[in-house]
Amino acid sequence: MLSKSDRRIIENSRLRGWVLEPDAKHMMANQGFDVPNFILTDSIQEANKFLKLSSGPVVAKAVSEKILHKTEFDAVVVGISEEKVLEREMIRLKTLGGCEQVLVEEMVEGLEIIIGAKNDFQFGPVVVLGLGGTSVEIYNDTAIRMAPVKYGDVHSMIDSLKAKNLFKGYRKKPGVNMDLLAPLVVNFSCLIMDLEDKFQSIDLNPVICTKDRCVIADARIMLESET
């Protein structure tokens, strides 16, 4: 169910055509999904304070209405553990077109997967699940189901992947916690049903999965144009 704040975010983003990452993550958090701890700031002092309070390295990302695909602009920096590095990168990121604030968030490591959705002209909202991160374009290892999906659908989607052993555990590496992933995908499919007439596509990529968490490390929502 979309909250008033979710609807406000969508309406405020319509002219742009897509939802900025901090707003998209607020929407995901409103649904009860796990997102990294983060701050959105233009202050180096605030960013360094966040780094000090973090249990490990952080990620810094440019937030700009002119930057949709961050990797194309070198607008994401991972593994920052020193204040001087964070300061340098914040200064650089704010020189990128339209960037006035930087998203600084906790860094999570694990299996990178994609949970996505498309508004198919024939079938309506469909859910995409597969290997994520930069591997999406290289391996194209994804499964698709019509929304809404059930718990059994999530398991069958994973079973259909070439990378299914990575999800289940491989060579003594722990697999994904299905008690976390399955409800995330099911509830996400319910969300896109609520959003049916409002979105073109949604990419939660990567969702970083460990034995303890499934964290939405990035979120992009492309909106339907008003007619």
Protein backbone atom coordinates (compact mmCIF):
# COMPACT_ATOMS: atom_id res chain seq x y z
CA MET A 1 0.00 0.00 0.00
CA LEU A 2 1.43 3.36 -1.01
CA SER A 3 1.68 5.92 1.75
CA LYS A 4 0.97 9.63 1.34
CA SER A 5 4.70 10.33 1.32
CA ASP A 6 5.20 7.70 -1.42
CA ARG A 7 2.52 9.33 -3.57
CA ARG A 8 4.05 12.74 -2.93
CA ILE A 9 7.48 11.49 -4.07
CA ILE A 10 5.99 10.11 -7.27
CA GLU A 11 4.08 13.29 -8.07
CA ASN A 12 7.14 15.46 -7.37
CA SER A 13 9.20 13.24 -9.69
CA ARG A 14 6.81 13.10 -12.66
CA LEU A 15 8.28 16.06 -14.53
CA ARG A 16 11.75 14.49 -14.28
CA GLY A 17 10.43 11.09 -15.30
CA TRP A 18 12.28 9.13 -12.64
CA VAL A 19 12.73 9.05 -8.87
CA LEU A 20 16.03 10.12 -7.33
CA GLU A 21 17.78 7.34 -5.42
CA PRO A 22 17.31 8.79 -1.90
CA ASP A 23 13.58 9.16 -2.53
CA ALA A 24 13.36 5.68 -4.05
CA LYS A 25 15.05 4.27 -0.97
CA HIS A 26 12.65 6.14 1.30
CA MET A 27 9.82 4.47 -0.62
CA MET A 28 11.42 1.05 -0.21
CA ALA A 29 11.98 1.66 3.51
CA ASN A 30 8.32 2.69 3.83
CA GLN A 31 7.42 -0.77 2.53
CA GLY A 32 9.48 -2.36 5.29
CA PHE A 33 12.35 -3.33 2.99
CA ASP A 34 15.94 -3.28 4.24
CA VAL A 35 17.99 -0.35 2.91
CA PRO A 36 21.45 0.78 4.02
CA ASN A 37 21.81 3.43 6.69
CA PHE A 38 22.51 6.66 4.81
CA ILE A 39 22.60 10.42 4.91
CA LEU A 40 22.05 12.91 2.11
CA THR A 41 24.30 15.91 2.67
CA ASP A 42 26.45 18.62 1.14
CA SER A 43 28.51 18.87 4.34
CA ILE A 44 31.91 17.17 4.57
CA GLN A 45 31.67 17.44 8.35
CA GLU A 46 28.36 15.57 8.45
CA ALA A 47 29.69 12.94 6.06
CA ASN A 48 32.78 12.38 8.21
CA LYS A 49 30.62 12.12 11.32
CA PHE A 50 28.56 9.43 9.57
CA LEU A 51 31.78 7.60 8.63
CA LYS A 52 33.00 7.67 12.22
CA LEU A 53 29.74 6.18 13.47
CA SER A 54 29.71 3.47 10.79
CA SER A 55 30.95 -0.01 11.61
CA GLY A 56 32.88 -0.25 8.34
CA PRO A 57 33.57 1.45 5.00
CA VAL A 58 30.98 3.66 3.32
CA VAL A 59 29.84 4.38 -0.21
CA ALA A 60 29.51 7.89 -1.65
CA LYS A 61 27.19 8.64 -4.58
CA ALA A 62 26.42 11.80 -6.51
CA VAL A 63 22.74 12.74 -6.45
CA SER A 64 21.76 14.74 -9.51
CA GLU A 65 18.73 15.15 -11.72
CA LYS A 66 21.16 15.04 -14.65
CA ILE A 67 22.73 11.69 -13.72
CA LEU A 68 20.54 8.64 -14.19
CA HIS A 69 23.25 6.01 -14.78
CA LYS A 70 25.89 6.77 -12.16
CA THR A 71 28.56 4.36 -13.38
CA GLU A 72 28.76 6.24 -16.68
CA PHE A 73 29.83 9.38 -14.80
CA ASP A 74 32.09 7.74 -12.19
CA ALA A 75 29.50 8.97 -9.70
CA VAL A 76 29.84 6.08 -7.20
CA VAL A 77 32.79 5.48 -4.89
CA VAL A 78 32.89 2.34 -2.73
CA GLY A 79 35.07 1.20 0.14
CA ILE A 80 35.75 4.60 1.71
CA SER A 81 37.21 4.18 5.19
CA GLU A 82 39.30 7.34 5.66
CA GLU A 83 38.04 10.86 6.24
CA LYS A 84 40.51 12.45 3.83
CA VAL A 85 39.34 10.10 1.05
CA LEU A 86 35.69 10.88 1.77
CA GLU A 87 36.43 14.61 1.73
CA ARG A 88 38.28 14.36 -1.59
CA GLU A 89 35.54 12.31 -3.22
CA MET A 90 32.74 14.54 -1.97
CA ILE A 91 34.48 17.55 -3.48
CA ARG A 92 34.89 15.70 -6.78
CA LEU A 93 31.32 14.35 -6.85
CA LYS A 94 29.89 17.83 -6.32
CA THR A 95 31.65 19.00 -9.49
CA LEU A 96 29.52 16.60 -11.54
CA GLY A 97 26.61 18.14 -13.44
CA GLY A 98 23.68 19.02 -11.21
CA CYS A 99 25.14 17.42 -8.07
CA GLU A 100 24.52 19.52 -4.99
CA GLN A 101 24.27 16.73 -2.41
CA VAL A 102 26.00 13.40 -1.89
CA LEU A 103 24.45 10.17 -0.64
CA VAL A 104 26.76 8.56 1.92
CA GLU A 105 25.71 5.11 3.07
CA GLU A 106 26.96 2.01 4.83
CA MET A 107 28.68 -0.52 2.61
CA VAL A 108 27.31 -4.07 2.56
CA GLU A 109 29.08 -7.02 0.93
CA GLY A 110 27.47 -10.22 -0.31
CA LEU A 111 25.88 -11.75 -3.40
CA GLU A 112 24.63 -9.03 -5.73
CA ILE A 113 21.23 -9.80 -7.22
CA ILE A 114 18.64 -7.81 -9.13
CA ILE A 115 14.97 -7.58 -8.26
CA GLY A 116 13.19 -5.62 -10.93
CA ALA A 117 9.85 -4.91 -12.55
CA LYS A 118 8.57 -3.89 -15.94
CA ASN A 119 5.14 -2.74 -17.01
CA ASP A 120 4.59 -5.03 -19.98
CA PHE A 121 2.08 -3.67 -22.50
CA GLN A 122 0.53 -7.12 -22.88
CA PHE A 123 0.85 -8.81 -19.46
CA GLY A 124 0.99 -5.83 -17.11
CA PRO A 125 3.49 -5.73 -14.23
CA VAL A 126 6.11 -8.50 -14.31
CA VAL A 127 8.84 -9.30 -11.78
CA VAL A 128 12.47 -9.90 -12.73
CA LEU A 129 14.89 -11.80 -10.47
CA GLY A 130 18.46 -12.83 -11.15
CA LEU A 131 22.16 -12.22 -10.82
CA GLY A 132 22.73 -8.53 -10.27
CA GLY A 133 25.34 -5.80 -10.22
CA THR A 134 27.31 -5.31 -13.42
CA SER A 135 26.78 -9.04 -14.12
CA VAL A 136 23.24 -8.31 -15.32
CA GLU A 137 24.35 -7.03 -18.71
CA ILE A 138 27.18 -9.55 -19.07
CA TYR A 139 25.39 -12.79 -18.18
CA ASN A 140 21.72 -11.81 -18.62
CA ASP A 141 20.79 -14.51 -16.10
CA THR A 142 17.30 -13.55 -14.98
CA ALA A 143 13.86 -15.11 -14.54
CA ILE A 144 10.52 -13.36 -15.14
CA ARG A 145 7.07 -13.96 -13.68
CA MET A 146 3.79 -12.09 -13.83
CA ALA A 147 2.94 -10.15 -10.69
CA PRO A 148 1.92 -10.79 -8.03
CA VAL A 149 4.17 -13.75 -7.24
CA LYS A 150 3.95 -16.31 -4.44
CA TYR A 151 6.69 -17.83 -2.31
CA GLY A 152 6.86 -20.92 -4.50
CA ASP A 153 7.35 -18.71 -7.56
CA VAL A 154 10.46 -17.18 -6.03
CA HIS A 155 12.01 -20.61 -5.49
CA SER A 156 11.16 -21.70 -9.03
CA MET A 157 12.64 -18.50 -10.45
CA ILE A 158 15.92 -19.19 -8.67
CA ASP A 159 15.88 -22.84 -9.79
CA SER A 160 15.67 -21.65 -13.41
CA LEU A 161 18.84 -19.55 -13.16
CA LYS A 162 22.26 -20.66 -14.35
CA ALA A 163 23.64 -19.09 -11.18
CA LYS A 164 21.23 -20.94 -8.87
CA ASN A 165 24.12 -22.54 -6.95
CA LEU A 166 25.32 -19.08 -5.94
CA PHE A 167 21.91 -18.46 -4.37
CA LYS A 168 21.88 -21.82 -2.61
CA GLY A 169 25.50 -21.85 -1.46
CA TYR A 170 28.56 -22.91 -3.38
CA ARG A 171 31.94 -24.36 -2.32
CA LYS A 172 31.39 -23.71 1.38
CA LYS A 173 30.14 -20.17 0.74
CA PRO A 174 26.81 -19.48 2.43
CA GLY A 175 23.79 -19.09 0.21
CA VAL A 176 21.09 -16.45 0.29
CA ASN A 177 18.72 -16.46 3.24
CA MET A 178 15.50 -17.44 1.49
CA ASP A 179 13.46 -16.55 4.58
CA LEU A 180 14.47 -12.96 3.79
CA LEU A 181 14.63 -12.99 -0.01
CA ALA A 182 11.32 -14.74 -0.71
CA PRO A 183 9.13 -12.30 1.26
CA LEU A 184 11.08 -9.38 -0.20
CA VAL A 185 10.27 -10.49 -3.76
CA VAL A 186 6.65 -11.34 -2.88
CA ASN A 187 6.06 -7.98 -1.17
CA PHE A 188 7.85 -6.14 -3.98
CA SER A 189 5.47 -7.77 -6.45
CA CYS A 190 2.54 -6.44 -4.41
CA LEU A 191 4.10 -2.98 -4.45
CA ILE A 192 4.33 -2.92 -8.24
CA MET A 193 0.67 -3.90 -8.45
CA ASP A 194 -0.10 -0.77 -6.42
CA LEU A 195 2.16 1.23 -8.76
CA GLU A 196 0.80 -0.36 -11.95
CA ASP A 197 -0.36 2.80 -13.71
CA LYS A 198 2.51 4.94 -12.42
CA PHE A 199 5.77 3.22 -13.43
CA GLN A 200 7.57 1.97 -16.52
CA SER A 201 10.31 0.00 -14.78
CA ILE A 202 11.93 -0.48 -11.39
CA ASP A 203 15.45 -1.76 -10.78
CA LEU A 204 16.60 -2.73 -7.32
CA ASN A 205 20.17 -3.42 -8.36
CA PRO A 206 22.10 -4.49 -6.57
CA VAL A 207 20.21 -6.07 -3.74
CA ILE A 208 23.05 -7.41 -1.62
CA CYS A 209 22.21 -10.70 0.03
CA THR A 210 23.98 -12.47 2.88
CA LYS A 211 22.89 -15.12 5.33
CA ASP A 212 21.58 -12.30 7.56
CA ARG A 213 20.28 -9.56 5.24
CA CYS A 214 18.90 -8.67 1.81
CA VAL A 215 19.77 -4.98 1.47
CA ILE A 216 18.61 -2.71 -1.36
CA ALA A 217 21.88 -0.96 -2.18
CA ASP A 218 20.48 0.94 -5.18
CA ALA A 219 16.99 1.68 -6.45
CA ARG A 220 15.80 3.29 -9.66
CA ILE A 221 12.16 3.96 -10.52
CA MET A 222 11.24 5.08 -14.03
CA LEU A 223 7.79 6.65 -14.20
CA GLU A 224 5.07 6.57 -16.81
CA SER A 225 4.71 9.87 -18.61
CA GLU A 226 1.49 11.73 -18.07
CA THR A 227 -0.83 11.72 -21.06
